[in-house]
Amino acid sequence: MTPVIVRTRDELAAARKVAPGTLALVPTMGALHEGHLSLVREARARADGVAVSIFVNPLQFAPGEDFDRYPRTFEDDLAACARAGVDVVFAPSRDVMYPAEPQVTLKSGPMGAVVEGAARPGHFDGMLTVVLKLLNLVRPDVAVFGEKDAQQLALIRRMVADLNVPVEIVGAPTVREPDGLALSSRNRYLSPDERRTALALSRALRAGAGAAATGDGPDAVLGAARAELAAAASAEPPLDLDYLVLVDPATFTEVTADHAGSAVLAVAGRVGATHLIDNVPLQLGKEH
């Protein structure tokens, strides 16, 4: 099945008008991999039609980040969408998404200024702005996002609730390589040596999850994860740790030492020039 490719607002409106029944949207920046395709499968299970957007959003890249070198593989992406049974691919240009320099944008608030937001100031403001624009343009019944970007997902859910956006937000589980590395479009930047170092991120999460499974509290969970990261800091090439935190999944504030219940263990670091993130949901304490 070849998806309908639309690039302008008018083309999108026309495609939306004839779309049968309910529609699910999977927003992406392209460079599609199995993680994205798992979102498409989730979308297919929840709606009559599936749309995938492909747009590398300049608003969520800070100066000096990888906007210019971010992988753009449209023909391969289109082929992947065809194999996955996507109905519509919305692939707008920058001028379509931002006809003029935007003056009114979203602010992610305190929740967007911590954890990944502290490592990448302004990132979540740009992300929320483009997601809201996509939701307004496509008008899906459901939108599906990956749980690998847990803070992004939490912020989108908060935005939809705060602004009364009429869409159901669905999170889909992180997809990993056989060696544990979370799938990411940025993985293709990694050399073989860098990839070996990057595996410390998923090892740290597994160690933390193991501690939580035995009933340990936040301090022990973080300690188990830190122990796995310590060797990576002196590896060649090294892992430059941005953060390792245990946070509330709804607010992304750090949990207290006596916290019991749901939490997210989140980690991020740089290997060479590549920024990588990962996380795992946990249950802590007596509610486990």
C-alpha atoms as a PDB file:
ATOM      1  CA  MET A   1       0.000   0.000   0.000  1.00  0.00           C
ATOM      2  CA  THR A   2       1.419   3.366  -1.017  1.00  0.00           C
ATOM      3  CA  PRO A   3       0.496   6.177   1.363  1.00  0.00           C
ATOM      4  CA  VAL A   4      -0.871   9.462   0.110  1.00  0.00           C
ATOM      5  CA  ILE A   5       1.894  12.074   0.408  1.00  0.00           C
ATOM      6  CA  VAL A   6       0.738  15.562   1.343  1.00  0.00           C
ATOM      7  CA  ARG A   7       3.014  18.542   1.756  1.00  0.00           C
ATOM      8  CA  THR A   8       0.760  21.591   2.085  1.00  0.00           C
ATOM      9  CA  ARG A   9      -2.045  22.584   4.423  1.00  0.00           C
ATOM     10  CA  ASP A  10      -4.593  22.436   1.601  1.00  0.00           C
ATOM     11  CA  GLU A  11      -3.469  18.947   0.558  1.00  0.00           C
ATOM     12  CA  LEU A  12      -3.645  17.822   4.177  1.00  0.00           C
ATOM     13  CA  ALA A  13      -7.129  19.273   4.619  1.00  0.00           C
ATOM     14  CA  ALA A  14      -8.309  17.498   1.464  1.00  0.00           C
ATOM     15  CA  ALA A  15      -6.825  14.167   2.592  1.00  0.00           C
ATOM     16  CA  ARG A  16      -8.329  14.584   6.053  1.00  0.00           C
ATOM     17  CA  LYS A  17     -11.748  15.258   4.556  1.00  0.00           C
ATOM     18  CA  VAL A  18     -11.883  11.877   2.804  1.00  0.00           C
ATOM     19  CA  ALA A  19     -10.154   9.863   5.555  1.00  0.00           C
ATOM     20  CA  PRO A  20     -12.481   7.062   6.678  1.00  0.00           C
ATOM     21  CA  GLY A  21     -13.568   6.945  10.319  1.00  0.00           C
ATOM     22  CA  THR A  22     -11.091   7.685  13.077  1.00  0.00           C
ATOM     23  CA  LEU A  23      -7.512   8.786  12.470  1.00  0.00           C
ATOM     24  CA  ALA A  24      -4.343   8.216  14.499  1.00  0.00           C
ATOM     25  CA  LEU A  25      -1.246  10.408  14.087  1.00  0.00           C
ATOM     26  CA  VAL A  26       2.368   9.377  14.661  1.00  0.00           C
ATOM     27  CA  PRO A  27       4.500  12.556  14.669  1.00  0.00           C
ATOM     28  CA  THR A  28       8.144  11.952  13.701  1.00  0.00           C
ATOM     29  CA  MET A  29      11.247  13.766  12.520  1.00  0.00           C
ATOM     30  CA  GLY A  30      11.922  11.012   9.995  1.00  0.00           C
ATOM     31  CA  ALA A  31      14.913   8.660   9.904  1.00  0.00           C
ATOM     32  CA  LEU A  32      12.370   5.991  10.776  1.00  0.00           C
ATOM     33  CA  HIS A  33      13.389   2.804  12.572  1.00  0.00           C
ATOM     34  CA  GLU A  34      11.613  -0.107  14.240  1.00  0.00           C
ATOM     35  CA  GLY A  35      10.736   2.078  17.218  1.00  0.00           C
ATOM     36  CA  HIS A  36       8.724   4.386  14.974  1.00  0.00           C
ATOM     37  CA  LEU A  37       7.110   1.431  13.235  1.00  0.00           C
ATOM     38  CA  SER A  38       5.992   0.057  16.592  1.00  0.00           C
ATOM     39  CA  LEU A  39       4.159   3.370  17.090  1.00  0.00           C
ATOM     40  CA  VAL A  40       2.507   2.918  13.683  1.00  0.00           C
ATOM     41  CA  ARG A  41       1.315  -0.553  14.715  1.00  0.00           C
ATOM     42  CA  GLU A  42      -0.111   0.878  17.930  1.00  0.00           C
ATOM     43  CA  ALA A  43      -1.819   3.608  15.910  1.00  0.00           C
ATOM     44  CA  ARG A  44      -3.258   1.046  13.490  1.00  0.00           C
ATOM     45  CA  ALA A  45      -4.767  -0.875  16.426  1.00  0.00           C
ATOM     46  CA  ARG A  46      -6.506   2.250  17.714  1.00  0.00           C
ATOM     47  CA  ALA A  47      -7.959   3.925  14.617  1.00  0.00           C
ATOM     48  CA  ASP A  48      -9.345   3.313  11.148  1.00  0.00           C
ATOM     49  CA  GLY A  49      -6.589   5.317   9.459  1.00  0.00           C
ATOM     50  CA  VAL A  50      -2.968   6.195  10.263  1.00  0.00           C
ATOM     51  CA  ALA A  51      -1.078   9.369   9.396  1.00  0.00           C
ATOM     52  CA  VAL A  52       2.661   9.843   9.918  1.00  0.00           C
ATOM     53  CA  SER A  53       4.173  13.317   9.929  1.00  0.00           C
ATOM     54  CA  ILE A  54       7.816  13.798   8.940  1.00  0.00           C
ATOM     55  CA  PHE A  55       9.261  17.169   9.871  1.00  0.00           C
ATOM     56  CA  VAL A  56      12.612  18.092  11.429  1.00  0.00           C
ATOM     57  CA  ASN A  57      11.470  20.898  13.694  1.00  0.00           C
ATOM     58  CA  PRO A  58      14.022  23.732  13.957  1.00  0.00           C
ATOM     59  CA  LEU A  59      12.380  25.198  17.065  1.00  0.00           C
ATOM     60  CA  GLN A  60      13.488  22.299  19.263  1.00  0.00           C
ATOM     61  CA  PHE A  61      17.196  22.494  18.346  1.00  0.00           C
ATOM     62  CA  ALA A  62      19.448  24.943  20.168  1.00  0.00           C
ATOM     63  CA  PRO A  63      22.324  26.705  18.379  1.00  0.00           C
ATOM     64  CA  GLY A  64      25.189  24.240  17.995  1.00  0.00           C
ATOM     65  CA  GLU A  65      22.945  21.172  18.161  1.00  0.00           C
ATOM     66  CA  ASP A  66      22.562  18.708  15.297  1.00  0.00           C
ATOM     67  CA  PHE A  67      19.736  20.281  13.273  1.00  0.00           C
ATOM     68  CA  ASP A  68      21.794  20.508  10.071  1.00  0.00           C
ATOM     69  CA  ARG A  69      23.169  16.973  10.311  1.00  0.00           C
ATOM     70  CA  TYR A  70      20.038  15.319  11.671  1.00  0.00           C
ATOM     71  CA  PRO A  71      19.453  12.318   9.369  1.00  0.00           C
ATOM     72  CA  ARG A  72      16.979  12.978   6.571  1.00  0.00           C
ATOM     73  CA  THR A  73      16.047   9.766   4.748  1.00  0.00           C
ATOM     74  CA  PHE A  74      12.697  10.561   3.154  1.00  0.00           C
ATOM     75  CA  GLU A  75      12.648   7.893   0.431  1.00  0.00           C
ATOM     76  CA  ASP A  76      13.541   5.176   2.931  1.00  0.00           C
ATOM     77  CA  ASP A  77      10.963   6.578   5.352  1.00  0.00           C
ATOM     78  CA  LEU A  78       8.289   6.508   2.678  1.00  0.00           C
ATOM     79  CA  ALA A  79       9.087   2.893   1.855  1.00  0.00           C
ATOM     80  CA  ALA A  80       8.870   1.983   5.553  1.00  0.00           C
ATOM     81  CA  CYS A  81       5.495   3.732   5.825  1.00  0.00           C
ATOM     82  CA  ALA A  82       4.239   1.816   2.783  1.00  0.00           C
ATOM     83  CA  ARG A  83       5.300  -1.509   4.308  1.00  0.00           C
ATOM     84  CA  ALA A  84       3.616  -0.569   7.592  1.00  0.00           C
ATOM     85  CA  GLY A  85       0.319   0.310   5.913  1.00  0.00           C
ATOM     86  CA  VAL A  86       0.347   4.043   6.658  1.00  0.00           C
ATOM     87  CA  ASP A  87      -2.478   5.868   4.892  1.00  0.00           C
ATOM     88  CA  VAL A  88      -1.147   9.437   4.820  1.00  0.00           C
ATOM     89  CA  VAL A  89       2.358  10.903   5.111  1.00  0.00           C
ATOM     90  CA  PHE A  90       2.388  14.606   5.948  1.00  0.00           C
ATOM     91  CA  ALA A  91       5.818  15.959   4.962  1.00  0.00           C
ATOM     92  CA  PRO A  92       5.653  19.748   5.178  1.00  0.00           C
ATOM     93  CA  SER A  93       8.487  22.140   4.437  1.00  0.00           C
ATOM     94  CA  ARG A  94       9.637  24.670   6.996  1.00  0.00           C
ATOM     95  CA  ASP A  95       7.679  27.369   5.146  1.00  0.00           C
ATOM     96  CA  VAL A  96       4.476  25.352   5.457  1.00  0.00           C
ATOM     97  CA  MET A  97       4.884  24.842   9.195  1.00  0.00           C
ATOM     98  CA  TYR A  98       6.232  28.331   9.864  1.00  0.00           C
ATOM     99  CA  PRO A  99       5.060  30.711   7.089  1.00  0.00           C
ATOM    100  CA  ALA A 100       6.438  33.568   9.180  1.00  0.00           C
ATOM    101  CA  GLU A 101       8.818  33.681  12.124  1.00  0.00           C
ATOM    102  CA  PRO A 102       6.562  32.545  14.991  1.00  0.00           C
ATOM    103  CA  GLN A 103       5.891  35.157  17.648  1.00  0.00           C
ATOM    104  CA  VAL A 104       3.402  33.157  19.720  1.00  0.00           C
ATOM    105  CA  THR A 105       4.836  29.857  20.942  1.00  0.00           C
ATOM    106  CA  LEU A 106       4.251  27.519  23.871  1.00  0.00           C
ATOM    107  CA  LYS A 107       6.215  27.531  27.099  1.00  0.00           C
ATOM    108  CA  SER A 108       6.745  24.193  28.782  1.00  0.00           C
ATOM    109  CA  GLY A 109       6.844  25.759  32.251  1.00  0.00           C
ATOM    110  CA  PRO A 110       8.676  24.364  35.279  1.00  0.00           C
ATOM    111  CA  MET A 111       8.157  20.783  34.091  1.00  0.00           C
ATOM    112  CA  GLY A 112      10.039  21.551  30.883  1.00  0.00           C
ATOM    113  CA  ALA A 113      12.978  23.199  32.633  1.00  0.00           C
ATOM    114  CA  VAL A 114      14.201  20.146  34.559  1.00  0.00           C
ATOM    115  CA  VAL A 115      15.993  16.913  33.633  1.00  0.00           C
ATOM    116  CA  GLU A 116      16.258  16.902  29.806  1.00  0.00           C
ATOM    117  CA  GLY A 117      14.979  20.475  29.764  1.00  0.00           C
ATOM    118  CA  ALA A 118      17.899  21.563  31.930  1.00  0.00           C
ATOM    119  CA  ALA A 119      20.340  19.783  29.610  1.00  0.00           C
ATOM    120  CA  ARG A 120      18.686  21.322  26.510  1.00  0.00           C
ATOM    121  CA  PRO A 121      17.138  24.688  27.450  1.00  0.00           C
ATOM    122  CA  GLY A 122      14.215  25.626  25.205  1.00  0.00           C
ATOM    123  CA  HIS A 123      13.957  22.180  23.656  1.00  0.00           C
ATOM    124  CA  PHE A 124      10.551  21.368  25.087  1.00  0.00           C
ATOM    125  CA  ASP A 125       9.125  24.790  24.207  1.00  0.00           C
ATOM    126  CA  GLY A 126       9.882  24.092  20.547  1.00  0.00           C
ATOM    127  CA  MET A 127       8.649  20.508  20.787  1.00  0.00           C
ATOM    128  CA  LEU A 128       5.287  21.475  22.308  1.00  0.00           C
ATOM    129  CA  THR A 129       4.809  24.259  19.772  1.00  0.00           C
ATOM    130  CA  VAL A 130       5.239  21.942  16.789  1.00  0.00           C
ATOM    131  CA  VAL A 131       3.180  19.130  18.334  1.00  0.00           C
ATOM    132  CA  LEU A 132       0.276  21.495  18.953  1.00  0.00           C
ATOM    133  CA  LYS A 133       0.547  22.779  15.378  1.00  0.00           C
ATOM    134  CA  LEU A 134       0.514  19.218  14.041  1.00  0.00           C
ATOM    135  CA  LEU A 135      -2.497  18.300  16.174  1.00  0.00           C
ATOM    136  CA  ASN A 136      -4.355  21.380  14.943  1.00  0.00           C
ATOM    137  CA  LEU A 137      -3.484  20.680  11.299  1.00  0.00           C
ATOM    138  CA  VAL A 138      -4.079  16.928  11.198  1.00  0.00           C
ATOM    139  CA  ARG A 139      -6.938  16.852  13.745  1.00  0.00           C
ATOM    140  CA  PRO A 140      -6.390  13.222  14.736  1.00  0.00           C
ATOM    141  CA  ASP A 141      -8.559  11.320  17.200  1.00  0.00           C
ATOM    142  CA  VAL A 142      -5.450   9.664  18.660  1.00  0.00           C
ATOM    143  CA  ALA A 143      -1.748  10.597  18.683  1.00  0.00           C
ATOM    144  CA  VAL A 144       0.923   8.023  19.538  1.00  0.00           C
ATOM    145  CA  PHE A 145       4.330   8.829  21.071  1.00  0.00           C
ATOM    146  CA  GLY A 146       7.176   6.644  22.325  1.00  0.00           C
ATOM    147  CA  GLU A 147       7.835   6.144  26.020  1.00  0.00           C
ATOM    148  CA  LYS A 148      11.574   6.424  25.357  1.00  0.00           C
ATOM    149  CA  ASP A 149      10.995  10.183  25.384  1.00  0.00           C
ATOM    150  CA  ALA A 150       9.200   9.958  28.724  1.00  0.00           C
ATOM    151  CA  GLN A 151       9.458  13.630  29.650  1.00  0.00           C
ATOM    152  CA  GLN A 152       8.239  14.649  26.204  1.00  0.00           C
ATOM    153  CA  LEU A 153       5.254  12.321  26.573  1.00  0.00           C
ATOM    154  CA  ALA A 154       4.433  13.672  30.041  1.00  0.00           C
ATOM    155  CA  LEU A 155       4.601  17.259  28.771  1.00  0.00           C
ATOM    156  CA  ILE A 156       2.369  16.511  25.778  1.00  0.00           C
ATOM    157  CA  ARG A 157      -0.196  14.918  28.074  1.00  0.00           C
ATOM    158  CA  ARG A 158      -0.072  17.970  30.320  1.00  0.00           C
ATOM    159  CA  MET A 159      -0.394  20.334  27.332  1.00  0.00           C
ATOM    160  CA  VAL A 160      -3.432  18.456  26.018  1.00  0.00           C
ATOM    161  CA  ALA A 161      -5.062  18.568  29.460  1.00  0.00           C
ATOM    162  CA  ASP A 162      -4.193  22.212  30.171  1.00  0.00           C
ATOM    163  CA  LEU A 163      -5.289  23.486  26.739  1.00  0.00           C
ATOM    164  CA  ASN A 164      -8.296  21.170  26.245  1.00  0.00           C
ATOM    165  CA  VAL A 165      -6.979  19.695  23.007  1.00  0.00           C
ATOM    166  CA  PRO A 166      -9.513  17.088  21.779  1.00  0.00           C
ATOM    167  CA  VAL A 167      -7.147  14.161  21.196  1.00  0.00           C
ATOM    168  CA  GLU A 168      -6.244  10.958  23.022  1.00  0.00           C
ATOM    169  CA  ILE A 169      -2.508  10.694  23.762  1.00  0.00           C
ATOM    170  CA  VAL A 170      -1.119   7.160  23.779  1.00  0.00           C
ATOM    171  CA  GLY A 171       2.348   6.083  24.908  1.00  0.00           C
ATOM    172  CA  ALA A 172       4.013   3.019  23.389  1.00  0.00           C
ATOM    173  CA  PRO A 173       6.864   1.035  24.998  1.00  0.00           C
ATOM    174  CA  THR A 174      10.521   1.644  24.193  1.00  0.00           C
ATOM    175  CA  VAL A 175      11.966  -0.652  21.524  1.00  0.00           C
ATOM    176  CA  ARG A 176      15.545  -1.838  22.027  1.00  0.00           C
ATOM    177  CA  GLU A 177      18.303  -3.442  20.023  1.00  0.00           C
ATOM    178  CA  PRO A 178      19.207  -7.015  21.095  1.00  0.00           C
ATOM    179  CA  ASP A 179      22.117  -5.588  23.121  1.00  0.00           C
ATOM    180  CA  GLY A 180      19.764  -3.286  25.051  1.00  0.00           C
ATOM    181  CA  LEU A 181      20.464   0.048  23.351  1.00  0.00           C
ATOM    182  CA  ALA A 182      17.224   2.002  22.953  1.00  0.00           C
ATOM    183  CA  LEU A 183      16.410   2.608  19.295  1.00  0.00           C
ATOM    184  CA  SER A 184      17.019   6.199  18.240  1.00  0.00           C
ATOM    185  CA  SER A 185      17.569   7.974  14.949  1.00  0.00           C
ATOM    186  CA  ARG A 186      20.765   9.365  16.495  1.00  0.00           C
ATOM    187  CA  ASN A 187      22.245   5.871  16.993  1.00  0.00           C
ATOM    188  CA  ARG A 188      23.492   6.022  13.409  1.00  0.00           C
ATOM    189  CA  TYR A 189      25.939   8.732  14.499  1.00  0.00           C
ATOM    190  CA  LEU A 190      27.770   6.258  16.779  1.00  0.00           C
ATOM    191  CA  SER A 191      31.017   4.567  15.823  1.00  0.00           C
ATOM    192  CA  PRO A 192      31.433   0.950  16.998  1.00  0.00           C
ATOM    193  CA  ASP A 193      33.519   2.104  19.981  1.00  0.00           C
ATOM    194  CA  GLU A 194      31.014   4.829  20.857  1.00  0.00           C
ATOM    195  CA  ARG A 195      28.180   2.332  20.685  1.00  0.00           C
ATOM    196  CA  ARG A 196      29.943   0.038  23.153  1.00  0.00           C
ATOM    197  CA  THR A 197      30.275   2.927  25.582  1.00  0.00           C
ATOM    198  CA  ALA A 198      26.625   3.934  25.053  1.00  0.00           C
ATOM    199  CA  LEU A 199      25.454   0.528  26.278  1.00  0.00           C
ATOM    200  CA  ALA A 200      26.255   1.717  29.807  1.00  0.00           C
ATOM    201  CA  LEU A 201      23.002   3.713  29.718  1.00  0.00           C
ATOM    202  CA  SER A 202      20.752   0.663  29.375  1.00  0.00           C
ATOM    203  CA  ARG A 203      22.940  -1.359  31.768  1.00  0.00           C
ATOM    204  CA  ALA A 204      22.475   1.352  34.388  1.00  0.00           C
ATOM    205  CA  LEU A 205      18.712   1.252  33.944  1.00  0.00           C
ATOM    206  CA  ARG A 206      18.630  -2.525  34.246  1.00  0.00           C
ATOM    207  CA  ALA A 207      20.680  -2.315  37.454  1.00  0.00           C
ATOM    208  CA  GLY A 208      18.335   0.291  38.899  1.00  0.00           C
ATOM    209  CA  ALA A 209      15.272  -1.716  37.897  1.00  0.00           C
ATOM    210  CA  GLY A 210      16.786  -4.794  39.507  1.00  0.00           C
ATOM    211  CA  ALA A 211      17.269  -2.940  42.772  1.00  0.00           C
ATOM    212  CA  ALA A 212      13.685  -1.686  42.657  1.00  0.00           C
ATOM    213  CA  ALA A 213      12.407  -5.216  41.998  1.00  0.00           C
ATOM    214  CA  THR A 214      13.939  -6.411  45.272  1.00  0.00           C
ATOM    215  CA  GLY A 215      12.157  -3.667  47.201  1.00  0.00           C
ATOM    216  CA  ASP A 216      15.038  -1.208  47.501  1.00  0.00           C
ATOM    217  CA  GLY A 217      14.282   2.498  47.867  1.00  0.00           C
ATOM    218  CA  PRO A 218      15.337   5.471  45.727  1.00  0.00           C
ATOM    219  CA  ASP A 219      18.862   5.832  47.132  1.00  0.00           C
ATOM    220  CA  ALA A 220      19.720   2.187  46.474  1.00  0.00           C
ATOM    221  CA  VAL A 221      18.159   2.293  43.007  1.00  0.00           C
ATOM    222  CA  LEU A 222      20.234   5.336  42.055  1.00  0.00           C
ATOM    223  CA  GLY A 223      23.329   3.792  43.617  1.00  0.00           C
ATOM    224  CA  ALA A 224      22.979   0.618  41.565  1.00  0.00           C
ATOM    225  CA  ALA A 225      22.614   2.633  38.391  1.00  0.00           C
ATOM    226  CA  ARG A 226      25.572   4.911  39.208  1.00  0.00           C
ATOM    227  CA  ALA A 227      27.802   1.891  39.736  1.00  0.00           C
ATOM    228  CA  GLU A 228      27.172   0.816  36.129  1.00  0.00           C
ATOM    229  CA  LEU A 229      27.901   4.306  34.822  1.00  0.00           C
ATOM    230  CA  ALA A 230      31.158   4.779  36.726  1.00  0.00           C
ATOM    231  CA  ALA A 231      33.265   2.607  34.420  1.00  0.00           C
ATOM    232  CA  ALA A 232      31.810   4.269  31.319  1.00  0.00           C
ATOM    233  CA  ALA A 233      33.098   7.657  32.476  1.00  0.00           C
ATOM    234  CA  SER A 234      36.667   6.421  31.983  1.00  0.00           C
ATOM    235  CA  ALA A 235      36.022   4.277  28.911  1.00  0.00           C
ATOM    236  CA  GLU A 236      37.508   5.134  25.522  1.00  0.00           C
ATOM    237  CA  PRO A 237      35.593   7.030  24.323  1.00  0.00           C
ATOM    238  CA  PRO A 238      34.032   8.110  27.625  1.00  0.00           C
ATOM    239  CA  LEU A 239      30.399   8.665  28.532  1.00  0.00           C
ATOM    240  CA  ASP A 240      29.870  12.261  29.628  1.00  0.00           C
ATOM    241  CA  LEU A 241      26.869  11.950  31.942  1.00  0.00           C
ATOM    242  CA  ASP A 242      24.232  14.692  31.716  1.00  0.00           C
ATOM    243  CA  TYR A 243      21.934  13.330  34.401  1.00  0.00           C
ATOM    244  CA  LEU A 244      20.726  10.274  36.258  1.00  0.00           C
ATOM    245  CA  VAL A 245      17.485  10.958  38.126  1.00  0.00           C
ATOM    246  CA  LEU A 246      14.547   9.170  39.693  1.00  0.00           C
ATOM    247  CA  VAL A 247      11.432  11.236  39.063  1.00  0.00           C
ATOM    248  CA  ASP A 248       7.675  11.315  39.398  1.00  0.00           C
ATOM    249  CA  PRO A 249       6.289  10.167  36.002  1.00  0.00           C
ATOM    250  CA  ALA A 250       3.614  12.881  35.883  1.00  0.00           C
ATOM    251  CA  THR A 251       5.660  15.923  36.930  1.00  0.00           C
ATOM    252  CA  PHE A 252       9.314  14.889  36.430  1.00  0.00           C
ATOM    253  CA  THR A 253      10.218  16.298  39.821  1.00  0.00           C
ATOM    254  CA  GLU A 254      12.737  14.168  41.697  1.00  0.00           C
ATOM    255  CA  VAL A 255      11.195  11.744  44.176  1.00  0.00           C
ATOM    256  CA  THR A 256      11.935  11.863  47.893  1.00  0.00           C
ATOM    257  CA  ALA A 257      14.004   9.250  49.713  1.00  0.00           C
ATOM    258  CA  ASP A 258      10.857   7.664  51.159  1.00  0.00           C
ATOM    259  CA  HIS A 259       8.899   7.624  47.882  1.00  0.00           C
ATOM    260  CA  ALA A 260       6.675   4.604  47.266  1.00  0.00           C
ATOM    261  CA  GLY A 261       4.818   3.954  44.031  1.00  0.00           C
ATOM    262  CA  SER A 262       5.453   4.804  40.398  1.00  0.00           C
ATOM    263  CA  ALA A 263       8.688   6.450  39.293  1.00  0.00           C
ATOM    264  CA  VAL A 264      10.840   6.858  36.190  1.00  0.00           C
ATOM    265  CA  LEU A 265      14.578   6.248  36.259  1.00  0.00           C
ATOM    266  CA  ALA A 266      15.939   8.542  33.537  1.00  0.00           C
ATOM    267  CA  VAL A 267      19.476   8.861  32.225  1.00  0.00           C
ATOM    268  CA  ALA A 268      21.212  10.858  29.511  1.00  0.00           C
ATOM    269  CA  GLY A 269      24.755  11.397  28.374  1.00  0.00           C
ATOM    270  CA  ARG A 270      27.002  12.247  25.482  1.00  0.00           C
ATOM    271  CA  VAL A 271      29.243   9.813  23.697  1.00  0.00           C
ATOM    272  CA  GLY A 272      31.430  11.720  21.297  1.00  0.00           C
ATOM    273  CA  ALA A 273      29.141  14.362  19.810  1.00  0.00           C
ATOM    274  CA  THR A 274      25.948  12.339  20.276  1.00  0.00           C
ATOM    275  CA  HIS A 275      23.388  13.044  22.995  1.00  0.00           C
ATOM    276  CA  LEU A 276      21.481   9.912  24.032  1.00  0.00           C
ATOM    277  CA  ILE A 277      18.580   9.476  26.454  1.00  0.00           C
ATOM    278  CA  ASP A 278      16.906   6.460  28.007  1.00  0.00           C
ATOM    279  CA  ASN A 279      14.567   5.618  30.872  1.00  0.00           C
ATOM    280  CA  VAL A 280      12.695   2.812  32.579  1.00  0.00           C
ATOM    281  CA  PRO A 281       9.446   2.966  34.597  1.00  0.00           C
ATOM    282  CA  LEU A 282       9.657   1.498  38.108  1.00  0.00           C
ATOM    283  CA  GLN A 283       7.531   0.696  41.120  1.00  0.00           C
ATOM    284  CA  LEU A 284       9.179   1.540  44.419  1.00  0.00           C
ATOM    285  CA  GLY A 285       8.640   0.663  48.035  1.00  0.00           C
ATOM    286  CA  LYS A 286       5.665  -0.804  49.803  1.00  0.00           C
ATOM    287  CA  GLU A 287       3.312  -0.284  46.842  1.00  0.00           C
ATOM    288  CA  HIS A 288       5.498  -2.533  44.668  1.00  0.00           C
END
